[in-house]
Amino acid sequence: MSATSAAPKGAMTMTDDIILQHFQSDGYAIVRQLATPSEVDGIREAFMSAAANGPVAGLSDGHFADVPPGDPLAFYPRMMHPHLHPELPIGPLAMGIMLDSRIHNYLRAFMGEEPLAAQSMFYFKPPGARGQELHQDNFYLRVKPGTCVAAWMAIDDADEENGTLMVVPQTANAEIACPETADAARSFTTDYVRPPAGVEPVALRLSAGDVLFFNGSVIHGSYPNASKERFRRAFICHYVPASSTEVSAFYRLFDFSGNPVAMAEAQGGGPCGTAAAGPH
């Protein structure tokens, strides 16, 4: 994928209109096969090659330094902001995916304005890996006004067995909550946001190349990978509306031409009344 990939022109199709309605009503929507099989294969191969010798200094999530050697995530921690590493083969690839014009097209429709790119991540989630407990993205990005939007690209088929993503219905407009503490046996992150009473998470079945878009209020998370042989890899980016005036200091913004964009650092203590949260 690259920033020059062809985007749909003119009016949205009937299918796209339904996708837009779903995003507006539920806060999330799936675009099936937005990336081609060959593109997905190339992304998978590039990141597996980058991780062939384990964690990469300055790229792999440093929070995994204390993970026991037997934990699958000790060798395969998520990679943070690969687009900021032009010196590595995956750097230009990550930037191209993040700024791909097909993703841009949907983001403009969902946001109703121009988006800015804030973050890229690659999750490996090998067999036996813990999941990520329910959380809300804008707790971390601290976008004001409005909220962030994620583009979560499946690099492998994802289902309940290998730890697919779950979303909690009726949370599209939920207030950003101060998280509780997650169960460390099930989640590699420490935050847990409790769903509203009477509402259960819904597991999404995604095929490699599908992209799930969701806003920063939607409560979401993932199961542990209970499979014996299947990875559940994903390439994830976050975006903010260009009209936003604040974002957490941990994020560097780019427009879809690849130009850096300055924005004021988020102020206040957030829902927990503390300093800004770290990277998502």
C-alpha atoms as a PDB file:
ATOM      1  CA  MET A   1       0.000   0.000   0.000  1.00  0.00           C
ATOM      2  CA  SER A   2       1.152   3.509  -0.649  1.00  0.00           C
ATOM      3  CA  ALA A   3      -0.086   7.059  -0.358  1.00  0.00           C
ATOM      4  CA  THR A   4      -0.710   7.092  -4.106  1.00  0.00           C
ATOM      5  CA  SER A   5      -3.120   4.133  -4.215  1.00  0.00           C
ATOM      6  CA  ALA A   6      -6.267   4.880  -6.182  1.00  0.00           C
ATOM      7  CA  ALA A   7      -9.207   6.147  -4.125  1.00  0.00           C
ATOM      8  CA  PRO A   8     -12.893   5.940  -5.098  1.00  0.00           C
ATOM      9  CA  LYS A   9     -14.061   9.024  -6.962  1.00  0.00           C
ATOM     10  CA  GLY A  10     -17.378  10.827  -6.879  1.00  0.00           C
ATOM     11  CA  ALA A  11     -20.379   9.813  -4.813  1.00  0.00           C
ATOM     12  CA  MET A  12     -20.076   6.948  -2.395  1.00  0.00           C
ATOM     13  CA  THR A  13     -21.500   3.629  -3.543  1.00  0.00           C
ATOM     14  CA  MET A  14     -24.526   2.046  -1.901  1.00  0.00           C
ATOM     15  CA  THR A  15     -22.213  -0.258   0.042  1.00  0.00           C
ATOM     16  CA  ASP A  16     -20.125   2.693   1.218  1.00  0.00           C
ATOM     17  CA  ASP A  17     -23.311   4.545   2.185  1.00  0.00           C
ATOM     18  CA  ILE A  18     -24.302   1.639   4.431  1.00  0.00           C
ATOM     19  CA  ILE A  19     -20.793   1.578   5.937  1.00  0.00           C
ATOM     20  CA  LEU A  20     -21.037   5.305   6.659  1.00  0.00           C
ATOM     21  CA  GLN A  21     -24.451   4.899   8.289  1.00  0.00           C
ATOM     22  CA  HIS A  22     -23.110   2.099  10.474  1.00  0.00           C
ATOM     23  CA  PHE A  23     -20.151   4.201  11.597  1.00  0.00           C
ATOM     24  CA  GLN A  24     -22.366   7.177  12.375  1.00  0.00           C
ATOM     25  CA  SER A  25     -24.831   5.122  14.400  1.00  0.00           C
ATOM     26  CA  ASP A  26     -22.528   2.582  16.086  1.00  0.00           C
ATOM     27  CA  GLY A  27     -19.141   4.290  16.100  1.00  0.00           C
ATOM     28  CA  TYR A  28     -17.495   1.525  14.073  1.00  0.00           C
ATOM     29  CA  ALA A  29     -17.694  -0.061  10.626  1.00  0.00           C
ATOM     30  CA  ILE A  30     -15.837  -2.751   8.685  1.00  0.00           C
ATOM     31  CA  VAL A  31     -14.581  -2.191   5.140  1.00  0.00           C
ATOM     32  CA  ARG A  32     -14.052  -5.634   3.683  1.00  0.00           C
ATOM     33  CA  GLN A  33     -10.906  -6.326   1.639  1.00  0.00           C
ATOM     34  CA  LEU A  34      -9.695  -2.754   1.551  1.00  0.00           C
ATOM     35  CA  ALA A  35      -6.173  -4.150   1.114  1.00  0.00           C
ATOM     36  CA  THR A  36      -5.433  -6.730  -1.572  1.00  0.00           C
ATOM     37  CA  PRO A  37      -4.050 -10.196  -0.736  1.00  0.00           C
ATOM     38  CA  SER A  38      -0.680  -9.303  -2.243  1.00  0.00           C
ATOM     39  CA  GLU A  39      -0.493  -6.112  -0.173  1.00  0.00           C
ATOM     40  CA  VAL A  40      -1.335  -8.007   3.012  1.00  0.00           C
ATOM     41  CA  ASP A  41       1.271 -10.654   2.207  1.00  0.00           C
ATOM     42  CA  GLY A  42       3.886  -7.947   1.720  1.00  0.00           C
ATOM     43  CA  ILE A  43       3.036  -6.259   5.031  1.00  0.00           C
ATOM     44  CA  ARG A  44       3.122  -9.569   6.912  1.00  0.00           C
ATOM     45  CA  GLU A  45       6.447 -10.608   5.404  1.00  0.00           C
ATOM     46  CA  ALA A  46       8.075  -7.239   6.019  1.00  0.00           C
ATOM     47  CA  PHE A  47       7.169  -7.097   9.703  1.00  0.00           C
ATOM     48  CA  MET A  48       7.998 -10.736  10.349  1.00  0.00           C
ATOM     49  CA  SER A  49      11.397 -10.112   8.778  1.00  0.00           C
ATOM     50  CA  ALA A  50      11.879  -7.052  10.988  1.00  0.00           C
ATOM     51  CA  ALA A  51      11.064  -9.170  14.065  1.00  0.00           C
ATOM     52  CA  ALA A  52      13.126 -12.199  13.017  1.00  0.00           C
ATOM     53  CA  ASN A  53      15.601 -11.697  15.864  1.00  0.00           C
ATOM     54  CA  GLY A  54      13.115 -10.538  18.482  1.00  0.00           C
ATOM     55  CA  PRO A  55      12.492  -7.025  19.842  1.00  0.00           C
ATOM     56  CA  VAL A  56      14.014  -4.089  17.973  1.00  0.00           C
ATOM     57  CA  ALA A  57      15.501  -1.331  20.137  1.00  0.00           C
ATOM     58  CA  GLY A  58      13.662   1.967  19.715  1.00  0.00           C
ATOM     59  CA  LEU A  59      10.825   0.323  17.803  1.00  0.00           C
ATOM     60  CA  SER A  60       9.408  -2.538  19.874  1.00  0.00           C
ATOM     61  CA  ASP A  61       7.293  -1.582  22.880  1.00  0.00           C
ATOM     62  CA  GLY A  62       9.713  -1.127  25.784  1.00  0.00           C
ATOM     63  CA  HIS A  63       7.040  -2.069  28.324  1.00  0.00           C
ATOM     64  CA  PHE A  64       7.770  -5.710  27.469  1.00  0.00           C
ATOM     65  CA  ALA A  65      11.317  -5.625  28.829  1.00  0.00           C
ATOM     66  CA  ASP A  66      10.179  -7.330  32.039  1.00  0.00           C
ATOM     67  CA  VAL A  67       7.973  -9.982  30.382  1.00  0.00           C
ATOM     68  CA  PRO A  68       9.128 -13.497  31.370  1.00  0.00           C
ATOM     69  CA  PRO A  69      11.083 -15.290  28.600  1.00  0.00           C
ATOM     70  CA  GLY A  70       8.357 -17.936  28.255  1.00  0.00           C
ATOM     71  CA  ASP A  71       5.709 -15.354  27.387  1.00  0.00           C
ATOM     72  CA  PRO A  72       5.132 -15.270  23.579  1.00  0.00           C
ATOM     73  CA  LEU A  73       5.175 -11.478  23.726  1.00  0.00           C
ATOM     74  CA  ALA A  74       8.744 -11.471  25.043  1.00  0.00           C
ATOM     75  CA  PHE A  75       9.906 -12.244  21.500  1.00  0.00           C
ATOM     76  CA  TYR A  76       7.023 -10.534  19.667  1.00  0.00           C
ATOM     77  CA  PRO A  77       6.104  -7.287  21.435  1.00  0.00           C
ATOM     78  CA  ARG A  78       4.079  -4.835  19.411  1.00  0.00           C
ATOM     79  CA  MET A  79       6.006  -2.301  17.315  1.00  0.00           C
ATOM     80  CA  MET A  80       5.228   1.354  18.023  1.00  0.00           C
ATOM     81  CA  HIS A  81       5.301   4.131  15.425  1.00  0.00           C
ATOM     82  CA  PRO A  82       7.162   2.197  12.707  1.00  0.00           C
ATOM     83  CA  HIS A  83       6.405   5.045  10.283  1.00  0.00           C
ATOM     84  CA  LEU A  84       8.925   7.168  12.237  1.00  0.00           C
ATOM     85  CA  HIS A  85      11.772   4.818  11.273  1.00  0.00           C
ATOM     86  CA  PRO A  86      12.730   5.649   7.659  1.00  0.00           C
ATOM     87  CA  GLU A  87      16.083   3.930   8.246  1.00  0.00           C
ATOM     88  CA  LEU A  88      14.313   0.543   8.394  1.00  0.00           C
ATOM     89  CA  PRO A  89      12.615  -1.251   5.466  1.00  0.00           C
ATOM     90  CA  ILE A  90       9.304  -1.200   7.350  1.00  0.00           C
ATOM     91  CA  GLY A  91       9.480   2.583   7.890  1.00  0.00           C
ATOM     92  CA  PRO A  92       8.432   3.769   4.406  1.00  0.00           C
ATOM     93  CA  LEU A  93       5.994   0.833   4.193  1.00  0.00           C
ATOM     94  CA  ALA A  94       4.296   1.882   7.440  1.00  0.00           C
ATOM     95  CA  MET A  95       4.122   5.512   6.346  1.00  0.00           C
ATOM     96  CA  GLY A  96       2.585   4.450   3.032  1.00  0.00           C
ATOM     97  CA  ILE A  97      -0.101   2.368   4.733  1.00  0.00           C
ATOM     98  CA  MET A  98      -0.866   5.095   7.252  1.00  0.00           C
ATOM     99  CA  LEU A  99      -1.303   7.686   4.485  1.00  0.00           C
ATOM    100  CA  ASP A 100      -2.971   5.403   1.940  1.00  0.00           C
ATOM    101  CA  SER A 101      -5.584   7.278  -0.076  1.00  0.00           C
ATOM    102  CA  ARG A 102      -8.179   4.504   0.331  1.00  0.00           C
ATOM    103  CA  ILE A 103      -8.027   4.893   4.104  1.00  0.00           C
ATOM    104  CA  HIS A 104      -8.028   8.674   3.655  1.00  0.00           C
ATOM    105  CA  ASN A 105     -11.248   8.465   1.645  1.00  0.00           C
ATOM    106  CA  TYR A 106     -13.129   6.644   4.396  1.00  0.00           C
ATOM    107  CA  LEU A 107     -11.732   8.786   7.189  1.00  0.00           C
ATOM    108  CA  ARG A 108     -12.930  11.969   5.502  1.00  0.00           C
ATOM    109  CA  ALA A 109     -16.403  10.476   5.217  1.00  0.00           C
ATOM    110  CA  PHE A 110     -16.448   9.289   8.833  1.00  0.00           C
ATOM    111  CA  MET A 111     -15.040  12.505  10.301  1.00  0.00           C
ATOM    112  CA  GLY A 112     -16.787  14.908   7.956  1.00  0.00           C
ATOM    113  CA  GLU A 113     -13.508  16.755   7.564  1.00  0.00           C
ATOM    114  CA  GLU A 114      -9.828  16.306   6.796  1.00  0.00           C
ATOM    115  CA  PRO A 115      -8.015  13.772   9.023  1.00  0.00           C
ATOM    116  CA  LEU A 116      -4.454  13.930  10.331  1.00  0.00           C
ATOM    117  CA  ALA A 117      -2.382  10.805  10.990  1.00  0.00           C
ATOM    118  CA  ALA A 118      -1.142  10.367  14.566  1.00  0.00           C
ATOM    119  CA  GLN A 119       0.162   6.834  15.073  1.00  0.00           C
ATOM    120  CA  SER A 120       1.011   3.481  13.550  1.00  0.00           C
ATOM    121  CA  MET A 121       1.467   0.157  15.361  1.00  0.00           C
ATOM    122  CA  PHE A 122       1.992  -3.478  14.428  1.00  0.00           C
ATOM    123  CA  TYR A 123       0.647  -6.235  16.688  1.00  0.00           C
ATOM    124  CA  PHE A 124       2.030  -9.766  16.217  1.00  0.00           C
ATOM    125  CA  LYS A 125      -0.122 -11.639  18.759  1.00  0.00           C
ATOM    126  CA  PRO A 126       1.475 -15.078  18.355  1.00  0.00           C
ATOM    127  CA  PRO A 127      -0.178 -18.314  19.567  1.00  0.00           C
ATOM    128  CA  GLY A 128      -0.623 -18.272  23.331  1.00  0.00           C
ATOM    129  CA  ALA A 129      -0.318 -14.480  23.635  1.00  0.00           C
ATOM    130  CA  ARG A 130      -2.506 -12.547  26.027  1.00  0.00           C
ATOM    131  CA  GLY A 131      -5.160 -10.207  24.685  1.00  0.00           C
ATOM    132  CA  GLN A 132      -5.737  -6.528  25.382  1.00  0.00           C
ATOM    133  CA  GLU A 133      -8.479  -5.760  27.881  1.00  0.00           C
ATOM    134  CA  LEU A 134     -11.405  -3.486  27.045  1.00  0.00           C
ATOM    135  CA  HIS A 135     -10.373   0.162  26.723  1.00  0.00           C
ATOM    136  CA  GLN A 136     -11.066   3.432  24.875  1.00  0.00           C
ATOM    137  CA  ASP A 137      -8.504   4.947  22.537  1.00  0.00           C
ATOM    138  CA  ASN A 138      -9.174   8.592  23.284  1.00  0.00           C
ATOM    139  CA  PHE A 139      -8.102   8.016  26.891  1.00  0.00           C
ATOM    140  CA  TYR A 140      -4.587   7.862  25.414  1.00  0.00           C
ATOM    141  CA  LEU A 141      -4.740  10.295  22.509  1.00  0.00           C
ATOM    142  CA  ARG A 142      -6.685  12.928  24.476  1.00  0.00           C
ATOM    143  CA  VAL A 143      -8.032  14.582  21.317  1.00  0.00           C
ATOM    144  CA  LYS A 144     -10.072  17.763  21.848  1.00  0.00           C
ATOM    145  CA  PRO A 145     -12.526  18.717  20.550  1.00  0.00           C
ATOM    146  CA  GLY A 146     -13.958  15.545  19.053  1.00  0.00           C
ATOM    147  CA  THR A 147     -12.213  12.203  19.187  1.00  0.00           C
ATOM    148  CA  CYS A 148      -9.719  10.017  17.352  1.00  0.00           C
ATOM    149  CA  VAL A 149     -10.522   7.299  14.816  1.00  0.00           C
ATOM    150  CA  ALA A 150      -8.636   4.014  14.471  1.00  0.00           C
ATOM    151  CA  ALA A 151      -8.063   2.036  11.274  1.00  0.00           C
ATOM    152  CA  TRP A 152      -7.408  -1.584  12.350  1.00  0.00           C
ATOM    153  CA  MET A 153      -6.215  -3.709   9.419  1.00  0.00           C
ATOM    154  CA  ALA A 154      -6.348  -7.484   9.806  1.00  0.00           C
ATOM    155  CA  ILE A 155      -3.128  -9.076   8.539  1.00  0.00           C
ATOM    156  CA  ASP A 156      -4.425 -12.567   9.368  1.00  0.00           C
ATOM    157  CA  ASP A 157      -7.949 -13.930   9.503  1.00  0.00           C
ATOM    158  CA  ALA A 158      -9.174 -13.138  13.018  1.00  0.00           C
ATOM    159  CA  ASP A 159     -11.808 -14.995  15.042  1.00  0.00           C
ATOM    160  CA  GLU A 160     -12.541 -15.976  18.634  1.00  0.00           C
ATOM    161  CA  GLU A 161      -9.870 -18.689  18.667  1.00  0.00           C
ATOM    162  CA  ASN A 162      -6.879 -16.537  17.756  1.00  0.00           C
ATOM    163  CA  GLY A 163      -7.971 -13.414  19.619  1.00  0.00           C
ATOM    164  CA  THR A 164     -10.068 -11.247  17.338  1.00  0.00           C
ATOM    165  CA  LEU A 165     -11.177  -7.757  18.271  1.00  0.00           C
ATOM    166  CA  MET A 166     -14.287  -7.194  20.392  1.00  0.00           C
ATOM    167  CA  VAL A 167     -16.399  -4.029  20.376  1.00  0.00           C
ATOM    168  CA  VAL A 168     -19.002  -3.023  22.953  1.00  0.00           C
ATOM    169  CA  PRO A 169     -22.276  -1.842  21.377  1.00  0.00           C
ATOM    170  CA  GLN A 170     -23.902   1.402  22.493  1.00  0.00           C
ATOM    171  CA  THR A 171     -20.588   3.059  23.356  1.00  0.00           C
ATOM    172  CA  ALA A 172     -20.127   5.245  20.265  1.00  0.00           C
ATOM    173  CA  ASN A 173     -20.797   8.353  22.334  1.00  0.00           C
ATOM    174  CA  ALA A 174     -19.629   7.076  25.729  1.00  0.00           C
ATOM    175  CA  GLU A 175     -17.735   9.358  28.066  1.00  0.00           C
ATOM    176  CA  ILE A 176     -14.030   8.548  28.356  1.00  0.00           C
ATOM    177  CA  ALA A 177     -13.688   6.605  31.609  1.00  0.00           C
ATOM    178  CA  CYS A 178     -10.881   6.336  34.126  1.00  0.00           C
ATOM    179  CA  PRO A 179      -9.901   2.654  33.710  1.00  0.00           C
ATOM    180  CA  GLU A 180      -9.881  -0.040  36.358  1.00  0.00           C
ATOM    181  CA  THR A 181      -6.983  -2.506  36.618  1.00  0.00           C
ATOM    182  CA  ALA A 182      -6.964  -5.309  34.052  1.00  0.00           C
ATOM    183  CA  ASP A 183      -6.374  -8.991  34.776  1.00  0.00           C
ATOM    184  CA  ALA A 184      -2.680  -9.484  33.980  1.00  0.00           C
ATOM    185  CA  ALA A 185      -3.282 -13.158  33.199  1.00  0.00           C
ATOM    186  CA  ARG A 186      -5.492 -12.195  30.252  1.00  0.00           C
ATOM    187  CA  SER A 187      -4.273  -8.754  29.191  1.00  0.00           C
ATOM    188  CA  PHE A 188      -0.800  -7.449  28.353  1.00  0.00           C
ATOM    189  CA  THR A 189      -1.984  -3.906  29.135  1.00  0.00           C
ATOM    190  CA  THR A 190      -3.059  -2.718  32.578  1.00  0.00           C
ATOM    191  CA  ASP A 191      -6.263  -0.783  31.806  1.00  0.00           C
ATOM    192  CA  TYR A 192      -9.840  -2.112  31.850  1.00  0.00           C
ATOM    193  CA  VAL A 193     -12.985  -0.148  31.033  1.00  0.00           C
ATOM    194  CA  ARG A 194     -16.150  -1.828  32.264  1.00  0.00           C
ATOM    195  CA  PRO A 195     -18.972  -2.059  29.674  1.00  0.00           C
ATOM    196  CA  PRO A 196     -22.315  -0.430  30.466  1.00  0.00           C
ATOM    197  CA  ALA A 197     -24.702  -2.584  32.501  1.00  0.00           C
ATOM    198  CA  GLY A 198     -26.484  -5.160  30.397  1.00  0.00           C
ATOM    199  CA  VAL A 199     -24.221  -4.717  27.348  1.00  0.00           C
ATOM    200  CA  GLU A 200     -21.821  -7.460  26.262  1.00  0.00           C
ATOM    201  CA  PRO A 201     -18.808  -7.213  23.907  1.00  0.00           C
ATOM    202  CA  VAL A 202     -19.334  -8.507  20.371  1.00  0.00           C
ATOM    203  CA  ALA A 203     -16.547 -10.511  18.717  1.00  0.00           C
ATOM    204  CA  LEU A 204     -15.861  -9.452  15.114  1.00  0.00           C
ATOM    205  CA  ARG A 205     -14.779 -11.959  12.501  1.00  0.00           C
ATOM    206  CA  LEU A 206     -12.296 -10.310  10.172  1.00  0.00           C
ATOM    207  CA  SER A 207     -10.498 -11.601   7.106  1.00  0.00           C
ATOM    208  CA  ALA A 208      -6.969 -10.576   6.176  1.00  0.00           C
ATOM    209  CA  GLY A 209      -7.248  -7.267   4.302  1.00  0.00           C
ATOM    210  CA  ASP A 210     -10.385  -6.091   6.127  1.00  0.00           C
ATOM    211  CA  VAL A 211     -10.129  -2.736   7.896  1.00  0.00           C
ATOM    212  CA  LEU A 212     -12.192  -1.951  10.985  1.00  0.00           C
ATOM    213  CA  PHE A 213     -12.693   1.760  11.648  1.00  0.00           C
ATOM    214  CA  PHE A 214     -13.877   2.902  15.085  1.00  0.00           C
ATOM    215  CA  ASN A 215     -13.964   6.102  17.068  1.00  0.00           C
ATOM    216  CA  GLY A 216     -12.086   6.844  20.266  1.00  0.00           C
ATOM    217  CA  SER A 217     -15.083   6.388  22.567  1.00  0.00           C
ATOM    218  CA  VAL A 218     -15.968   2.855  21.476  1.00  0.00           C
ATOM    219  CA  ILE A 219     -14.996   0.353  24.179  1.00  0.00           C
ATOM    220  CA  HIS A 220     -13.031  -2.454  22.568  1.00  0.00           C
ATOM    221  CA  GLY A 221     -10.402  -5.090  23.297  1.00  0.00           C
ATOM    222  CA  SER A 222      -9.368  -8.600  22.350  1.00  0.00           C
ATOM    223  CA  TYR A 223      -9.315 -12.186  23.559  1.00  0.00           C
ATOM    224  CA  PRO A 224      -6.079 -14.062  24.265  1.00  0.00           C
ATOM    225  CA  ASN A 225      -4.819 -16.089  21.313  1.00  0.00           C
ATOM    226  CA  ALA A 226      -5.895 -19.621  22.258  1.00  0.00           C
ATOM    227  CA  SER A 227      -4.783 -21.196  18.983  1.00  0.00           C
ATOM    228  CA  LYS A 228      -1.793 -23.505  18.730  1.00  0.00           C
ATOM    229  CA  GLU A 229      -0.324 -22.295  15.452  1.00  0.00           C
ATOM    230  CA  ARG A 230      -2.137 -19.152  14.249  1.00  0.00           C
ATOM    231  CA  PHE A 231      -0.884 -15.595  14.643  1.00  0.00           C
ATOM    232  CA  ARG A 232      -3.353 -12.721  14.766  1.00  0.00           C
ATOM    233  CA  ARG A 233      -1.336  -9.893  13.300  1.00  0.00           C
ATOM    234  CA  ALA A 234      -2.749  -6.409  12.759  1.00  0.00           C
ATOM    235  CA  PHE A 235      -1.533  -3.056  11.471  1.00  0.00           C
ATOM    236  CA  ILE A 236      -3.240  -0.234  13.354  1.00  0.00           C
ATOM    237  CA  CYS A 237      -3.251   3.520  12.808  1.00  0.00           C
ATOM    238  CA  HIS A 238      -4.904   6.384  14.657  1.00  0.00           C
ATOM    239  CA  TYR A 239      -6.114   9.659  13.209  1.00  0.00           C
ATOM    240  CA  VAL A 240      -7.459  12.944  14.543  1.00  0.00           C
ATOM    241  CA  PRO A 241      -9.713  15.579  12.957  1.00  0.00           C
ATOM    242  CA  ALA A 242      -7.812  18.520  11.501  1.00  0.00           C
ATOM    243  CA  SER A 243     -10.099  20.839  13.470  1.00  0.00           C
ATOM    244  CA  SER A 244      -8.830  19.425  16.772  1.00  0.00           C
ATOM    245  CA  THR A 245      -6.858  21.823  18.920  1.00  0.00           C
ATOM    246  CA  GLU A 246      -5.241  19.384  21.411  1.00  0.00           C
ATOM    247  CA  VAL A 247      -3.649  15.937  21.346  1.00  0.00           C
ATOM    248  CA  SER A 248      -1.439  14.049  23.793  1.00  0.00           C
ATOM    249  CA  ALA A 249       2.241  14.983  23.587  1.00  0.00           C
ATOM    250  CA  PHE A 250       3.167  11.401  22.696  1.00  0.00           C
ATOM    251  CA  TYR A 251       1.856  11.751  19.109  1.00  0.00           C
ATOM    252  CA  ARG A 252       3.381  13.470  16.078  1.00  0.00           C
ATOM    253  CA  LEU A 253       0.853  14.461  13.424  1.00  0.00           C
ATOM    254  CA  PHE A 254       1.110  14.296   9.626  1.00  0.00           C
ATOM    255  CA  ASP A 255      -1.237  15.396   6.868  1.00  0.00           C
ATOM    256  CA  PHE A 256      -1.932  13.014   3.995  1.00  0.00           C
ATOM    257  CA  SER A 257       0.834  14.590   1.926  1.00  0.00           C
ATOM    258  CA  GLY A 258       3.283  13.458   4.596  1.00  0.00           C
ATOM    259  CA  ASN A 259       3.916  16.922   6.026  1.00  0.00           C
ATOM    260  CA  PRO A 260       4.300  17.327   9.814  1.00  0.00           C
ATOM    261  CA  VAL A 261       1.475  19.265  11.480  1.00  0.00           C
ATOM    262  CA  ALA A 262       1.837  21.001  14.842  1.00  0.00           C
ATOM    263  CA  MET A 263      -0.912  20.813  17.463  1.00  0.00           C
ATOM    264  CA  ALA A 264      -1.033  21.948  21.085  1.00  0.00           C
ATOM    265  CA  GLU A 265      -0.382  19.414  23.826  1.00  0.00           C
ATOM    266  CA  ALA A 266      -3.480  18.128  25.632  1.00  0.00           C
ATOM    267  CA  GLN A 267      -4.128  20.020  28.860  1.00  0.00           C
ATOM    268  CA  GLY A 268      -5.686  18.943  32.152  1.00  0.00           C
ATOM    269  CA  GLY A 269      -5.573  15.648  33.983  1.00  0.00           C
ATOM    270  CA  GLY A 270      -7.985  13.642  31.847  1.00  0.00           C
ATOM    271  CA  PRO A 271     -10.669  11.415  33.379  1.00  0.00           C
ATOM    272  CA  CYS A 272      -8.274  10.077  36.036  1.00  0.00           C
ATOM    273  CA  GLY A 273      -7.149  13.550  37.104  1.00  0.00           C
ATOM    274  CA  THR A 274      -3.516  12.678  36.419  1.00  0.00           C
ATOM    275  CA  ALA A 275      -0.861  13.511  33.841  1.00  0.00           C
ATOM    276  CA  ALA A 276      -1.438  12.553  30.203  1.00  0.00           C
ATOM    277  CA  ALA A 277      -1.564   8.831  29.528  1.00  0.00           C
ATOM    278  CA  GLY A 278       1.290   7.199  27.671  1.00  0.00           C
ATOM    279  CA  PRO A 279       1.131   5.813  24.122  1.00  0.00           C
ATOM    280  CA  HIS A 280      -1.747   3.474  23.319  1.00  0.00           C
END
